[in-house]
């Protein structure tokens, strides 16, 4: 998991020799969201997310493709809950770094963040 403080205009640097897809799972993303401070950033995927998650065009094995799809869905749920901003940065031809940037935590959250995310996932 790559985590850093987000600085506008700072390039997300690709790591040489890594896979084009993420090795974190949706539960890792949720754990990061729960502990991240406002402005922290997580690169949750590198590659071309829409292609990597698509059943017809992805070259990933089925289990990895499904994991990428689950991670993308988890990131979207966190964004819908107002917990993160989702951004992407081009790092090469047809290659992007997908970042989740932590937003300020809700002040009047009666339930824990993990409960909010898990409730949304169950719906």
Foldseek 3Di string as FASTA:
>chain_A
DDKDFDDPPDDDADDPPDDQFAPDALVVVLVCLQPDAARMKDQHGKFQLVQLLDPPRHPDPPVVSVRSVRNVVSLVLCVVVVQWDWDWDDPDVRIIGIMTGGHHDDPPDPDGSVVSSVVSVVD
